[in-house]
Amino acid sequence: MFQDLLPERGTSKADATKMFFEVLVLATKDAVKVEQTQGELGGPIRVRGKRGLWGSWAEREAGGEIAEELGDMDQILEQARGVVAVDA
């Protein structure tokens, strides 16, 4: 349940909003399935992982903050490879 990931008492509205957006992005990439009982506004939201969630490409393709961090890591690795190639 989404509420289990982000308990109301310990989570800011900003953090909950960011996480919810990330879940929606993953849903559009067919990595998770999001369900809520019809007609129950504010009710529990169930999030289930799908096969696409477990691919190594998933975090880069999903977008959002994680992808940005991975993009930064890719740049660091490319720079490190260049240094190793020059030193070799």
PDB file of N, CA and C in Angstrom:
ATOM      1  N   MET A   1       0.826  -1.175   0.000  1.00  0.00           N
ATOM      2  CA  MET A   1       0.000   0.000   0.000  1.00  0.00           C
ATOM      3  C   MET A   1       0.881   1.253   0.000  1.00  0.00           C
ATOM      4  N   PHE A   2       0.462   2.238  -0.762  1.00  0.00           N
ATOM      5  CA  PHE A   2       1.189   3.503  -0.841  1.00  0.00           C
ATOM      6  C   PHE A   2       1.319   4.123   0.547  1.00  0.00           C
ATOM      7  N   GLN A   3       0.257   4.034   1.336  1.00  0.00           N
ATOM      8  CA  GLN A   3       0.257   4.624   2.672  1.00  0.00           C
ATOM      9  C   GLN A   3       1.256   3.931   3.593  1.00  0.00           C
ATOM     10  N   ASP A   4       1.567   2.671   3.320  1.00  0.00           N
ATOM     11  CA  ASP A   4       2.566   1.963   4.119  1.00  0.00           C
ATOM     12  C   ASP A   4       3.973   2.480   3.813  1.00  0.00           C
ATOM     13  N   LEU A   5       4.192   2.890   2.568  1.00  0.00           N
ATOM     14  CA  LEU A   5       5.495   3.424   2.184  1.00  0.00           C
ATOM     15  C   LEU A   5       5.748   4.798   2.789  1.00  0.00           C
ATOM     16  N   LEU A   6       4.673   5.577   2.891  1.00  0.00           N
ATOM     17  CA  LEU A   6       4.776   6.951   3.385  1.00  0.00           C
ATOM     18  C   LEU A   6       3.710   7.216   4.438  1.00  0.00           C
ATOM     19  N   PRO A   7       3.941   6.796   5.674  1.00  0.00           N
ATOM     20  CA  PRO A   7       2.939   7.031   6.724  1.00  0.00           C
ATOM     21  C   PRO A   7       2.663   8.525   6.887  1.00  0.00           C
ATOM     22  N   GLU A   8       1.404   8.880   7.083  1.00  0.00           N
ATOM     23  CA  GLU A   8       1.008  10.290   7.185  1.00  0.00           C
ATOM     24  C   GLU A   8       1.756  11.035   8.281  1.00  0.00           C
ATOM     25  N   ARG A   9       1.965  10.398   9.405  1.00  0.00           N
ATOM     26  CA  ARG A   9       2.593  11.082  10.550  1.00  0.00           C
ATOM     27  C   ARG A   9       4.050  11.450  10.300  1.00  0.00           C
ATOM     28  N   GLY A  10       4.756  10.656   9.514  1.00  0.00           N
ATOM     29  CA  GLY A  10       6.182  10.912   9.337  1.00  0.00           C
ATOM     30  C   GLY A  10       6.560  11.433   7.969  1.00  0.00           C
ATOM     31  N   THR A  11       5.588  11.846   7.171  1.00  0.00           N
ATOM     32  CA  THR A  11       5.872  12.253   5.799  1.00  0.00           C
ATOM     33  C   THR A  11       5.278  13.625   5.513  1.00  0.00           C
ATOM     34  N   SER A  12       6.088  14.482   4.919  1.00  0.00           N
ATOM     35  CA  SER A  12       5.575  15.809   4.544  1.00  0.00           C
ATOM     36  C   SER A  12       4.706  15.683   3.294  1.00  0.00           C
ATOM     37  N   LYS A  13       3.855  16.662   3.081  1.00  0.00           N
ATOM     38  CA  LYS A  13       3.013  16.666   1.879  1.00  0.00           C
ATOM     39  C   LYS A  13       3.879  16.728   0.626  1.00  0.00           C
ATOM     40  N   ALA A  14       4.969  17.476   0.690  1.00  0.00           N
ATOM     41  CA  ALA A  14       5.869  17.598  -0.460  1.00  0.00           C
ATOM     42  C   ALA A  14       6.481  16.244  -0.818  1.00  0.00           C
ATOM     43  N   ASP A  15       6.949  15.500   0.197  1.00  0.00           N
ATOM     44  CA  ASP A  15       7.537  14.183  -0.056  1.00  0.00           C
ATOM     45  C   ASP A  15       6.497  13.202  -0.582  1.00  0.00           C
ATOM     46  N   ALA A  16       5.299  13.239  -0.023  1.00  0.00           N
ATOM     47  CA  ALA A  16       4.230  12.349  -0.484  1.00  0.00           C
ATOM     48  C   ALA A  16       3.861  12.662  -1.932  1.00  0.00           C
ATOM     49  N   THR A  17       3.827  13.935  -2.274  1.00  0.00           N
ATOM     50  CA  THR A  17       3.509  14.341  -3.645  1.00  0.00           C
ATOM     51  C   THR A  17       4.575  13.859  -4.610  1.00  0.00           C
ATOM     52  N   LYS A  18       5.851  14.017  -4.238  1.00  0.00           N
ATOM     53  CA  LYS A  18       6.950  13.546  -5.090  1.00  0.00           C
ATOM     54  C   LYS A  18       6.853  12.043  -5.310  1.00  0.00           C
ATOM     55  N   MET A  19       6.634  11.310  -4.233  1.00  0.00           N
ATOM     56  CA  MET A  19       6.566   9.856  -4.334  1.00  0.00           C
ATOM     57  C   MET A  19       5.377   9.428  -5.184  1.00  0.00           C
ATOM     58  N   PHE A  20       4.243  10.082  -5.005  1.00  0.00           N
ATOM     59  CA  PHE A  20       3.063   9.741  -5.788  1.00  0.00           C
ATOM     60  C   PHE A  20       3.325   9.983  -7.274  1.00  0.00           C
ATOM     61  N   PHE A  21       3.980  11.096  -7.595  1.00  0.00           N
ATOM     62  CA  PHE A  21       4.321  11.378  -8.985  1.00  0.00           C
ATOM     63  C   PHE A  21       5.236  10.291  -9.536  1.00  0.00           C
ATOM     64  N   GLU A  22       6.241   9.881  -8.760  1.00  0.00           N
ATOM     65  CA  GLU A  22       7.154   8.824  -9.206  1.00  0.00           C
ATOM     66  C   GLU A  22       6.396   7.521  -9.468  1.00  0.00           C
ATOM     67  N   VAL A  23       5.426   7.213  -8.604  1.00  0.00           N
ATOM     68  CA  VAL A  23       4.607   6.010  -8.802  1.00  0.00           C
ATOM     69  C   VAL A  23       3.825   6.119 -10.107  1.00  0.00           C
ATOM     70  N   LEU A  24       3.269   7.291 -10.382  1.00  0.00           N
ATOM     71  CA  LEU A  24       2.527   7.477 -11.632  1.00  0.00           C
ATOM     72  C   LEU A  24       3.437   7.348 -12.850  1.00  0.00           C
ATOM     73  N   VAL A  25       4.654   7.853 -12.750  1.00  0.00           N
ATOM     74  CA  VAL A  25       5.613   7.705 -13.848  1.00  0.00           C
ATOM     75  C   VAL A  25       5.903   6.227 -14.079  1.00  0.00           C
ATOM     76  N   LEU A  26       6.137   5.481 -13.006  1.00  0.00           N
ATOM     77  CA  LEU A  26       6.387   4.044 -13.143  1.00  0.00           C
ATOM     78  C   LEU A  26       5.187   3.328 -13.739  1.00  0.00           C
ATOM     79  N   ALA A  27       3.992   3.776 -13.391  1.00  0.00           N
ATOM     80  CA  ALA A  27       2.784   3.162 -13.952  1.00  0.00           C
ATOM     81  C   ALA A  27       2.694   3.416 -15.453  1.00  0.00           C
ATOM     82  N   THR A  28       3.063   4.608 -15.907  1.00  0.00           N
ATOM     83  CA  THR A  28       3.020   4.890 -17.345  1.00  0.00           C
ATOM     84  C   THR A  28       4.076   4.101 -18.101  1.00  0.00           C
ATOM     85  N   LYS A  29       5.132   3.693 -17.419  1.00  0.00           N
ATOM     86  CA  LYS A  29       6.181   2.873 -18.032  1.00  0.00           C
ATOM     87  C   LYS A  29       5.888   1.382 -17.896  1.00  0.00           C
ATOM     88  N   ASP A  30       4.702   1.051 -17.391  1.00  0.00           N
ATOM     89  CA  ASP A  30       4.258  -0.331 -17.206  1.00  0.00           C
ATOM     90  C   ASP A  30       5.168  -1.106 -16.248  1.00  0.00           C
ATOM     91  N   ALA A  31       5.713  -0.397 -15.252  1.00  0.00           N
ATOM     92  CA  ALA A  31       6.573  -1.030 -14.260  1.00  0.00           C
ATOM     93  C   ALA A  31       5.812  -1.379 -12.989  1.00  0.00           C
ATOM     94  N   VAL A  32       4.726  -0.664 -12.709  1.00  0.00           N
ATOM     95  CA  VAL A  32       3.889  -0.951 -11.544  1.00  0.00           C
ATOM     96  C   VAL A  32       2.420  -0.859 -11.942  1.00  0.00           C
ATOM     97  N   LYS A  33       1.591  -1.500 -11.141  1.00  0.00           N
ATOM     98  CA  LYS A  33       0.142  -1.393 -11.309  1.00  0.00           C
ATOM     99  C   LYS A  33      -0.393  -0.657 -10.091  1.00  0.00           C
ATOM    100  N   VAL A  34      -1.188   0.370 -10.331  1.00  0.00           N
ATOM    101  CA  VAL A  34      -1.750   1.194  -9.262  1.00  0.00           C
ATOM    102  C   VAL A  34      -3.254   0.976  -9.246  1.00  0.00           C
ATOM    103  N   GLU A  35      -3.792   0.645  -8.076  1.00  0.00           N
ATOM    104  CA  GLU A  35      -5.228   0.399  -7.944  1.00  0.00           C
ATOM    105  C   GLU A  35      -5.779   1.134  -6.733  1.00  0.00           C
ATOM    106  N   GLN A  36      -6.985   1.645  -6.890  1.00  0.00           N
ATOM    107  CA  GLN A  36      -7.720   2.250  -5.781  1.00  0.00           C
ATOM    108  C   GLN A  36      -9.185   1.872  -5.970  1.00  0.00           C
ATOM    109  N   THR A  37      -9.855   1.534  -4.889  1.00  0.00           N
ATOM    110  CA  THR A  37     -11.262   1.163  -4.971  1.00  0.00           C
ATOM    111  C   THR A  37     -12.047   2.298  -5.611  1.00  0.00           C
ATOM    112  N   GLN A  38     -12.820   1.951  -6.629  1.00  0.00           N
ATOM    113  CA  GLN A  38     -13.586   2.961  -7.351  1.00  0.00           C
ATOM    114  C   GLN A  38     -14.575   3.659  -6.424  1.00  0.00           C
ATOM    115  N   GLY A  39     -14.631   4.965  -6.530  1.00  0.00           N
ATOM    116  CA  GLY A  39     -15.558   5.743  -5.718  1.00  0.00           C
ATOM    117  C   GLY A  39     -15.097   5.982  -4.292  1.00  0.00           C
ATOM    118  N   GLU A  40     -13.860   5.619  -3.973  1.00  0.00           N
ATOM    119  CA  GLU A  40     -13.354   5.796  -2.606  1.00  0.00           C
ATOM    120  C   GLU A  40     -12.219   6.820  -2.609  1.00  0.00           C
ATOM    121  N   LEU A  41     -12.575   8.084  -2.795  1.00  0.00           N
ATOM    122  CA  LEU A  41     -11.601   9.164  -2.824  1.00  0.00           C
ATOM    123  C   LEU A  41     -10.842   9.215  -1.495  1.00  0.00           C
ATOM    124  N   GLY A  42      -9.528   9.194  -1.573  1.00  0.00           N
ATOM    125  CA  GLY A  42      -8.712   9.222  -0.366  1.00  0.00           C
ATOM    126  C   GLY A  42      -8.514   7.854   0.263  1.00  0.00           C
ATOM    127  N   GLY A  43      -9.061   6.818  -0.374  1.00  0.00           N
ATOM    128  CA  GLY A  43      -8.923   5.459   0.144  1.00  0.00           C
ATOM    129  C   GLY A  43      -7.543   4.889  -0.133  1.00  0.00           C
ATOM    130  N   PRO A  44      -7.292   3.691   0.353  1.00  0.00           N
ATOM    131  CA  PRO A  44      -5.989   3.050   0.165  1.00  0.00           C
ATOM    132  C   PRO A  44      -5.634   2.903  -1.314  1.00  0.00           C
ATOM    133  N   ILE A  45      -4.368   3.104  -1.622  1.00  0.00           N
ATOM    134  CA  ILE A  45      -3.853   2.951  -2.978  1.00  0.00           C
ATOM    135  C   ILE A  45      -2.907   1.760  -2.960  1.00  0.00           C
ATOM    136  N   ARG A  46      -3.196   0.774  -3.774  1.00  0.00           N
ATOM    137  CA  ARG A  46      -2.358  -0.419  -3.848  1.00  0.00           C
ATOM    138  C   ARG A  46      -1.392  -0.270  -5.017  1.00  0.00           C
ATOM    139  N   VAL A  47      -0.113  -0.503  -4.757  1.00  0.00           N
ATOM    140  CA  VAL A  47       0.923  -0.421  -5.780  1.00  0.00           C
ATOM    141  C   VAL A  47       1.601  -1.784  -5.853  1.00  0.00           C
ATOM    142  N   ARG A  48       1.566  -2.379  -7.040  1.00  0.00           N
ATOM    143  CA  ARG A  48       2.205  -3.687  -7.223  1.00  0.00           C
ATOM    144  C   ARG A  48       3.240  -3.604  -8.333  1.00  0.00           C
ATOM    145  N   GLY A  49       4.394  -4.189  -8.098  1.00  0.00           N
ATOM    146  CA  GLY A  49       5.436  -4.225  -9.110  1.00  0.00           C
ATOM    147  C   GLY A  49       5.063  -5.172 -10.238  1.00  0.00           C
ATOM    148  N   LYS A  50       5.469  -4.803 -11.440  1.00  0.00           N
ATOM    149  CA  LYS A  50       5.273  -5.643 -12.609  1.00  0.00           C
ATOM    150  C   LYS A  50       6.642  -6.034 -13.146  1.00  0.00           C
ATOM    151  N   ARG A  51       6.664  -6.892 -14.118  1.00  0.00           N
ATOM    152  CA  ARG A  51       7.919  -7.402 -14.670  1.00  0.00           C
ATOM    153  C   ARG A  51       8.865  -6.267 -15.099  1.00  0.00           C
ATOM    154  N   GLY A  52       8.323  -5.200 -15.688  1.00  0.00           N
ATOM    155  CA  GLY A  52       9.154  -4.094 -16.156  1.00  0.00           C
ATOM    156  C   GLY A  52       9.910  -3.368 -15.055  1.00  0.00           C
ATOM    157  N   LEU A  53       9.478  -3.510 -13.824  1.00  0.00           N
ATOM    158  CA  LEU A  53      10.133  -2.836 -12.705  1.00  0.00           C
ATOM    159  C   LEU A  53      11.533  -3.380 -12.445  1.00  0.00           C
ATOM    160  N   TRP A  54      11.760  -4.623 -12.788  1.00  0.00           N
ATOM    161  CA  TRP A  54      12.995  -5.285 -12.386  1.00  0.00           C
ATOM    162  C   TRP A  54      14.098  -5.211 -13.423  1.00  0.00           C
ATOM    163  N   GLY A  55      13.866  -4.603 -14.590  1.00  0.00           N
ATOM    164  CA  GLY A  55      14.914  -4.470 -15.590  1.00  0.00           C
ATOM    165  C   GLY A  55      15.942  -3.433 -15.167  1.00  0.00           C
ATOM    166  N   SER A  56      17.194  -3.610 -15.576  1.00  0.00           N
ATOM    167  CA  SER A  56      18.242  -2.658 -15.208  1.00  0.00           C
ATOM    168  C   SER A  56      18.006  -1.290 -15.836  1.00  0.00           C
ATOM    169  N   TRP A  57      17.252  -1.245 -16.918  1.00  0.00           N
ATOM    170  CA  TRP A  57      16.936   0.005 -17.600  1.00  0.00           C
ATOM    171  C   TRP A  57      15.849   0.798 -16.887  1.00  0.00           C
ATOM    172  N   ALA A  58      15.103   0.163 -16.005  1.00  0.00           N
ATOM    173  CA  ALA A  58      13.873   0.744 -15.457  1.00  0.00           C
ATOM    174  C   ALA A  58      14.101   2.113 -14.817  1.00  0.00           C
ATOM    175  N   GLU A  59      15.130   2.266 -14.002  1.00  0.00           N
ATOM    176  CA  GLU A  59      15.319   3.530 -13.304  1.00  0.00           C
ATOM    177  C   GLU A  59      15.720   4.645 -14.253  1.00  0.00           C
ATOM    178  N   ARG A  60      16.514   4.327 -15.267  1.00  0.00           N
ATOM    179  CA  ARG A  60      16.905   5.358 -16.229  1.00  0.00           C
ATOM    180  C   ARG A  60      15.728   5.774 -17.096  1.00  0.00           C
ATOM    181  N   GLU A  61      14.898   4.828 -17.499  1.00  0.00           N
ATOM    182  CA  GLU A  61      13.782   5.103 -18.399  1.00  0.00           C
ATOM    183  C   GLU A  61      12.601   5.750 -17.689  1.00  0.00           C
ATOM    184  N   ALA A  62      12.486   5.575 -16.388  1.00  0.00           N
ATOM    185  CA  ALA A  62      11.315   6.062 -15.663  1.00  0.00           C
ATOM    186  C   ALA A  62      11.303   7.576 -15.537  1.00  0.00           C
ATOM    187  N   GLY A  63      12.459   8.186 -15.493  1.00  0.00           N
ATOM    188  CA  GLY A  63      12.508   9.631 -15.305  1.00  0.00           C
ATOM    189  C   GLY A  63      12.485   9.967 -13.826  1.00  0.00           C
ATOM    190  N   GLY A  64      12.385  11.221 -13.508  1.00  0.00           N
ATOM    191  CA  GLY A  64      12.321  11.640 -12.116  1.00  0.00           C
ATOM    192  C   GLY A  64      13.688  11.778 -11.485  1.00  0.00           C
ATOM    193  N   GLU A  65      13.697  11.925 -10.173  1.00  0.00           N
ATOM    194  CA  GLU A  65      14.927  12.205  -9.442  1.00  0.00           C
ATOM    195  C   GLU A  65      15.930  11.065  -9.526  1.00  0.00           C
ATOM    196  N   ILE A  66      15.457   9.839  -9.482  1.00  0.00           N
ATOM    197  CA  ILE A  66      16.373   8.699  -9.532  1.00  0.00           C
ATOM    198  C   ILE A  66      17.120   8.693 -10.854  1.00  0.00           C
ATOM    199  N   ALA A  67      16.407   8.925 -11.949  1.00  0.00           N
ATOM    200  CA  ALA A  67      17.044   8.953 -13.261  1.00  0.00           C
ATOM    201  C   ALA A  67      18.076  10.076 -13.346  1.00  0.00           C
ATOM    202  N   GLU A  68      17.766  11.229 -12.759  1.00  0.00           N
ATOM    203  CA  GLU A  68      18.715  12.335 -12.767  1.00  0.00           C
ATOM    204  C   GLU A  68      19.982  11.960 -12.008  1.00  0.00           C
ATOM    205  N   GLU A  69      19.817  11.301 -10.868  1.00  0.00           N
ATOM    206  CA  GLU A  69      20.972  10.877 -10.084  1.00  0.00           C
ATOM    207  C   GLU A  69      21.793   9.859 -10.863  1.00  0.00           C
ATOM    208  N   LEU A  70      21.121   8.930 -11.541  1.00  0.00           N
ATOM    209  CA  LEU A  70      21.832   7.939 -12.338  1.00  0.00           C
ATOM    210  C   LEU A  70      22.534   8.599 -13.516  1.00  0.00           C
ATOM    211  N   GLY A  71      21.907   9.615 -14.096  1.00  0.00           N
ATOM    212  CA  GLY A  71      22.547  10.354 -15.183  1.00  0.00           C
ATOM    213  C   GLY A  71      23.829  11.004 -14.703  1.00  0.00           C
ATOM    214  N   ASP A  72      23.808  11.591 -13.512  1.00  0.00           N
ATOM    215  CA  ASP A  72      25.007  12.173 -12.924  1.00  0.00           C
ATOM    216  C   ASP A  72      26.063  11.099 -12.712  1.00  0.00           C
ATOM    217  N   MET A  73      25.636   9.929 -12.253  1.00  0.00           N
ATOM    218  CA  MET A  73      26.570   8.831 -12.026  1.00  0.00           C
ATOM    219  C   MET A  73      27.182   8.379 -13.351  1.00  0.00           C
ATOM    220  N   ASP A  74      26.382   8.338 -14.422  1.00  0.00           N
ATOM    221  CA  ASP A  74      26.908   7.968 -15.736  1.00  0.00           C
ATOM    222  C   ASP A  74      27.997   8.938 -16.175  1.00  0.00           C
ATOM    223  N   GLN A  75      27.793  10.236 -15.929  1.00  0.00           N
ATOM    224  CA  GLN A  75      28.800  11.230 -16.293  1.00  0.00           C
ATOM    225  C   GLN A  75      30.087  11.012 -15.501  1.00  0.00           C
ATOM    226  N   ILE A  76      29.958  10.725 -14.237  1.00  0.00           N
ATOM    227  CA  ILE A  76      31.131  10.472 -13.391  1.00  0.00           C
ATOM    228  C   ILE A  76      31.893   9.253 -13.898  1.00  0.00           C
ATOM    229  N   LEU A  77      31.154   8.190 -14.246  1.00  0.00           N
ATOM    230  CA  LEU A  77      31.801   6.977 -14.752  1.00  0.00           C
ATOM    231  C   LEU A  77      32.499   7.230 -16.082  1.00  0.00           C
ATOM    232  N   GLU A  78      31.876   8.008 -16.957  1.00  0.00           N
ATOM    233  CA  GLU A  78      32.501   8.341 -18.242  1.00  0.00           C
ATOM    234  C   GLU A  78      33.796   9.117 -18.019  1.00  0.00           C
ATOM    235  N   GLN A  79      33.772  10.066 -17.088  1.00  0.00           N
ATOM    236  CA  GLN A  79      34.974  10.829 -16.783  1.00  0.00           C
ATOM    237  C   GLN A  79      36.056   9.917 -16.222  1.00  0.00           C
ATOM    238  N   ALA A  80      35.664   8.996 -15.352  1.00  0.00           N
ATOM    239  CA  ALA A  80      36.626   8.060 -14.762  1.00  0.00           C
ATOM    240  C   ALA A  80      37.226   7.166 -15.836  1.00  0.00           C
ATOM    241  N   ARG A  81      36.413   6.719 -16.783  1.00  0.00           N
ATOM    242  CA  ARG A  81      36.927   5.887 -17.875  1.00  0.00           C
ATOM    243  C   ARG A  81      37.942   6.669 -18.706  1.00  0.00           C
ATOM    244  N   GLY A  82      37.668   7.948 -18.930  1.00  0.00           N
ATOM    245  CA  GLY A  82      38.597   8.786 -19.688  1.00  0.00           C
ATOM    246  C   GLY A  82      39.928   8.923 -18.978  1.00  0.00           C
ATOM    247  N   VAL A  83      39.890   9.074 -17.662  1.00  0.00           N
ATOM    248  CA  VAL A  83      41.115   9.187 -16.874  1.00  0.00           C
ATOM    249  C   VAL A  83      41.893   7.889 -16.939  1.00  0.00           C
ATOM    250  N   VAL A  84      41.210   6.760 -16.815  1.00  0.00           N
ATOM    251  CA  VAL A  84      41.878   5.456 -16.875  1.00  0.00           C
ATOM    252  C   VAL A  84      42.490   5.249 -18.252  1.00  0.00           C
ATOM    253  N   ALA A  85      41.759   5.632 -19.323  1.00  0.00           N
ATOM    254  CA  ALA A  85      42.262   5.452 -20.681  1.00  0.00           C
ATOM    255  C   ALA A  85      43.508   6.306 -20.914  1.00  0.00           C
ATOM    256  N   VAL A  86      43.536   7.517 -20.373  1.00  0.00           N
ATOM    257  CA  VAL A  86      44.684   8.405 -20.531  1.00  0.00           C
ATOM    258  C   VAL A  86      45.877   7.863 -19.760  1.00  0.00           C
ATOM    259  N   ASP A  87      45.629   7.319 -18.571  1.00  0.00           N
ATOM    260  CA  ASP A  87      46.710   6.802 -17.733  1.00  0.00           C
ATOM    261  C   ASP A  87      47.274   5.490 -18.259  1.00  0.00           C
ATOM    262  N   ALA A  88      46.514   4.748 -19.030  1.00  0.00           N
ATOM    263  CA  ALA A  88      46.920   3.402 -19.469  1.00  0.00           C
ATOM    264  C   ALA A  88      47.995   3.407 -20.498  1.00  0.00           C
TER     265      ALA A  88
END
